[in-house]
Amino acid sequence: MIIELLEKLEQLLNAGNEHFFAKLVNKARLSSEQKMFEFLESNELWGGMGSIADEALMDYPELRREFALTLVKIGEYQ
């Protein structure tokens, strides 16, 4: 399930031209399970200013809403 959520996150980021963030998600998704879970707990994803959760898709309200819902599902999974 978490792989699918990361795939969704990556798709949304790419759709909103957030390719740098999408590459971070892709790298985590394709890495070892340990590295993936480290990313899922990281400041890169959840931290404050500059994190994916804080910065991504601000210019795309429709994508941002779906992105936020996907982040909630990731949080629930954790």
N, C-alpha and C. Protein backbone atom coordinates (compact mmCIF):
# COMPACT_ATOMS: atom_id res chain seq x y z
N MET A 1 0.82 -1.20 0.00
CA MET A 1 0.00 0.00 0.00
C MET A 1 0.86 1.26 0.00
N ILE A 2 1.93 1.28 0.77
CA ILE A 2 2.75 2.49 0.85
C ILE A 2 3.43 2.77 -0.49
N ILE A 3 3.80 1.75 -1.22
CA ILE A 3 4.41 1.95 -2.54
C ILE A 3 3.42 2.66 -3.46
N GLU A 4 2.16 2.25 -3.41
CA GLU A 4 1.15 2.88 -4.25
C GLU A 4 0.94 4.34 -3.86
N LEU A 5 0.98 4.63 -2.57
CA LEU A 5 0.83 6.01 -2.11
C LEU A 5 2.01 6.87 -2.56
N LEU A 6 3.20 6.31 -2.51
CA LEU A 6 4.37 7.06 -2.99
C LEU A 6 4.31 7.26 -4.50
N GLU A 7 3.82 6.26 -5.22
CA GLU A 7 3.64 6.41 -6.67
C GLU A 7 2.65 7.54 -6.97
N LYS A 8 1.56 7.58 -6.23
CA LYS A 8 0.56 8.64 -6.39
C LYS A 8 1.18 10.01 -6.10
N LEU A 9 1.94 10.10 -5.03
CA LEU A 9 2.60 11.33 -4.67
C LEU A 9 3.53 11.78 -5.79
N GLU A 10 4.29 10.86 -6.31
CA GLU A 10 5.22 11.17 -7.40
C GLU A 10 4.46 11.64 -8.64
N GLN A 11 3.38 10.99 -8.99
CA GLN A 11 2.57 11.40 -10.15
C GLN A 11 2.03 12.81 -9.98
N LEU A 12 1.53 13.11 -8.79
CA LEU A 12 1.00 14.45 -8.53
C LEU A 12 2.09 15.51 -8.64
N LEU A 13 3.24 15.20 -8.08
CA LEU A 13 4.35 16.15 -8.13
C LEU A 13 4.79 16.39 -9.58
N ASN A 14 4.89 15.33 -10.36
CA ASN A 14 5.25 15.50 -11.77
C ASN A 14 4.20 16.28 -12.54
N ALA A 15 2.93 16.04 -12.23
CA ALA A 15 1.84 16.76 -12.91
C ALA A 15 1.91 18.26 -12.64
N GLY A 16 2.42 18.63 -11.49
CA GLY A 16 2.56 20.03 -11.12
C GLY A 16 3.95 20.59 -11.36
N ASN A 17 4.73 19.90 -12.19
CA ASN A 17 6.08 20.34 -12.54
C ASN A 17 7.01 20.46 -11.33
N GLU A 18 6.77 19.67 -10.32
CA GLU A 18 7.63 19.62 -9.14
C GLU A 18 8.60 18.44 -9.30
N HIS A 19 9.41 18.52 -10.34
CA HIS A 19 10.25 17.38 -10.72
C HIS A 19 11.34 17.08 -9.69
N PHE A 20 11.87 18.09 -9.06
CA PHE A 20 12.89 17.85 -8.03
C PHE A 20 12.30 17.02 -6.89
N PHE A 21 11.12 17.42 -6.40
CA PHE A 21 10.47 16.68 -5.33
C PHE A 21 10.06 15.28 -5.80
N ALA A 22 9.57 15.19 -7.04
CA ALA A 22 9.17 13.89 -7.59
C ALA A 22 10.35 12.93 -7.62
N LYS A 23 11.54 13.44 -7.96
CA LYS A 23 12.72 12.59 -7.99
C LYS A 23 13.09 12.09 -6.60
N LEU A 24 12.90 12.92 -5.58
CA LEU A 24 13.16 12.48 -4.21
C LEU A 24 12.22 11.35 -3.82
N VAL A 25 10.96 11.49 -4.17
CA VAL A 25 9.97 10.44 -3.86
C VAL A 25 10.30 9.17 -4.63
N ASN A 26 10.65 9.33 -5.91
CA ASN A 26 11.00 8.18 -6.73
C ASN A 26 12.20 7.44 -6.16
N LYS A 27 13.21 8.17 -5.78
CA LYS A 27 14.42 7.56 -5.21
C LYS A 27 14.08 6.77 -3.95
N ALA A 28 13.24 7.34 -3.10
CA ALA A 28 12.84 6.65 -1.88
C ALA A 28 12.03 5.40 -2.19
N ARG A 29 11.12 5.52 -3.13
CA ARG A 29 10.23 4.41 -3.50
C ARG A 29 11.02 3.24 -4.06
N LEU A 30 12.08 3.52 -4.79
CA LEU A 30 12.85 2.47 -5.44
C LEU A 30 14.03 1.97 -4.61
N SER A 31 14.22 2.55 -3.45
CA SER A 31 15.35 2.17 -2.60
C SER A 31 14.96 1.00 -1.70
N SER A 32 15.86 0.65 -0.83
CA SER A 32 15.57 -0.43 0.12
C SER A 32 14.42 -0.03 1.04
N GLU A 33 13.82 -1.02 1.65
CA GLU A 33 12.72 -0.75 2.56
C GLU A 33 13.15 0.20 3.69
N GLN A 34 14.34 -0.03 4.22
CA GLN A 34 14.85 0.82 5.30
C GLN A 34 14.99 2.27 4.83
N LYS A 35 15.56 2.48 3.65
CA LYS A 35 15.74 3.84 3.13
C LYS A 35 14.38 4.49 2.85
N MET A 36 13.45 3.71 2.35
CA MET A 36 12.11 4.23 2.06
C MET A 36 11.46 4.72 3.35
N PHE A 37 11.56 3.92 4.42
CA PHE A 37 10.94 4.32 5.68
C PHE A 37 11.68 5.48 6.33
N GLU A 38 12.98 5.57 6.11
CA GLU A 38 13.71 6.75 6.58
C GLU A 38 13.19 8.01 5.89
N PHE A 39 12.94 7.92 4.60
CA PHE A 39 12.37 9.05 3.86
C PHE A 39 10.99 9.40 4.39
N LEU A 40 10.19 8.39 4.69
CA LEU A 40 8.83 8.63 5.18
C LEU A 40 8.81 9.32 6.53
N GLU A 41 9.92 9.28 7.25
CA GLU A 41 10.02 9.95 8.55
C GLU A 41 10.90 11.20 8.48
N SER A 42 11.30 11.58 7.29
CA SER A 42 12.32 12.62 7.13
C SER A 42 11.75 14.04 7.13
N ASN A 43 12.65 14.97 7.38
CA ASN A 43 12.31 16.39 7.25
C ASN A 43 12.14 16.78 5.79
N GLU A 44 12.77 16.04 4.88
CA GLU A 44 12.57 16.30 3.45
C GLU A 44 11.09 16.22 3.10
N LEU A 45 10.44 15.22 3.65
CA LEU A 45 9.02 15.03 3.37
C LEU A 45 8.14 15.88 4.28
N TRP A 46 8.34 15.83 5.58
CA TRP A 46 7.42 16.42 6.55
C TRP A 46 7.90 17.70 7.20
N GLY A 47 9.20 17.99 7.13
CA GLY A 47 9.75 19.13 7.86
C GLY A 47 9.07 20.44 7.51
N GLY A 48 9.53 21.48 8.09
CA GLY A 48 8.93 22.79 7.88
C GLY A 48 9.25 23.38 6.53
N MET A 49 9.60 24.64 6.55
CA MET A 49 9.87 25.40 5.34
C MET A 49 10.84 24.66 4.41
N GLY A 50 10.44 24.51 3.17
CA GLY A 50 11.28 23.85 2.19
C GLY A 50 10.99 22.37 2.02
N SER A 51 10.19 21.80 2.90
CA SER A 51 9.87 20.37 2.78
C SER A 51 8.85 20.16 1.66
N ILE A 52 8.73 18.91 1.25
CA ILE A 52 7.76 18.57 0.22
C ILE A 52 6.35 18.92 0.70
N ALA A 53 6.02 18.55 1.92
CA ALA A 53 4.68 18.82 2.46
C ALA A 53 4.36 20.31 2.51
N ASP A 54 5.37 21.12 2.77
CA ASP A 54 5.16 22.55 2.91
C ASP A 54 5.14 23.30 1.58
N GLU A 55 5.98 22.91 0.65
CA GLU A 55 6.23 23.71 -0.54
C GLU A 55 5.54 23.24 -1.82
N ALA A 56 5.32 21.95 -1.94
CA ALA A 56 4.90 21.39 -3.23
C ALA A 56 3.50 21.81 -3.65
N LEU A 57 3.38 22.07 -4.93
CA LEU A 57 2.11 22.27 -5.64
C LEU A 57 1.30 23.49 -5.16
N MET A 58 1.96 24.48 -4.66
CA MET A 58 1.25 25.67 -4.17
C MET A 58 0.54 26.42 -5.30
N ASP A 59 1.03 26.30 -6.52
CA ASP A 59 0.42 26.99 -7.65
C ASP A 59 -0.67 26.17 -8.33
N TYR A 60 -0.98 25.01 -7.79
CA TYR A 60 -1.95 24.10 -8.38
C TYR A 60 -2.95 23.65 -7.32
N PRO A 61 -3.96 24.46 -7.03
CA PRO A 61 -4.90 24.12 -5.94
C PRO A 61 -5.57 22.75 -6.08
N GLU A 62 -5.94 22.38 -7.29
CA GLU A 62 -6.59 21.07 -7.49
C GLU A 62 -5.63 19.94 -7.14
N LEU A 63 -4.40 20.05 -7.62
CA LEU A 63 -3.40 19.02 -7.32
C LEU A 63 -3.02 19.06 -5.85
N ARG A 64 -2.93 20.26 -5.30
CA ARG A 64 -2.53 20.42 -3.89
C ARG A 64 -3.52 19.71 -2.97
N ARG A 65 -4.80 19.79 -3.28
CA ARG A 65 -5.83 19.12 -2.46
C ARG A 65 -5.62 17.61 -2.48
N GLU A 66 -5.46 17.05 -3.67
CA GLU A 66 -5.25 15.61 -3.80
C GLU A 66 -3.91 15.21 -3.16
N PHE A 67 -2.92 16.06 -3.31
CA PHE A 67 -1.61 15.85 -2.70
C PHE A 67 -1.74 15.79 -1.18
N ALA A 68 -2.48 16.73 -0.60
CA ALA A 68 -2.69 16.76 0.85
C ALA A 68 -3.41 15.50 1.33
N LEU A 69 -4.40 15.06 0.59
CA LEU A 69 -5.11 13.83 0.95
C LEU A 69 -4.19 12.62 0.89
N THR A 70 -3.30 12.60 -0.08
CA THR A 70 -2.34 11.50 -0.18
C THR A 70 -1.37 11.53 0.99
N LEU A 71 -0.93 12.72 1.39
CA LEU A 71 -0.06 12.84 2.56
C LEU A 71 -0.77 12.35 3.83
N VAL A 72 -2.06 12.66 3.94
CA VAL A 72 -2.83 12.18 5.09
C VAL A 72 -2.85 10.65 5.11
N LYS A 73 -3.06 10.05 3.95
CA LYS A 73 -3.08 8.59 3.87
C LYS A 73 -1.72 7.99 4.23
N ILE A 74 -0.65 8.65 3.81
CA ILE A 74 0.69 8.20 4.18
C ILE A 74 0.86 8.29 5.69
N GLY A 75 0.42 9.39 6.28
CA GLY A 75 0.49 9.56 7.73
C GLY A 75 -0.31 8.51 8.46
N GLU A 76 -1.49 8.21 7.97
CA GLU A 76 -2.31 7.16 8.58
C GLU A 76 -1.64 5.81 8.50
N TYR A 77 -1.00 5.54 7.37
CA TYR A 77 -0.29 4.26 7.19
C TYR A 77 0.82 4.13 8.23
N GLN A 78 1.49 5.24 8.47
CA GLN A 78 2.60 5.20 9.43
C GLN A 78 2.08 4.96 10.81
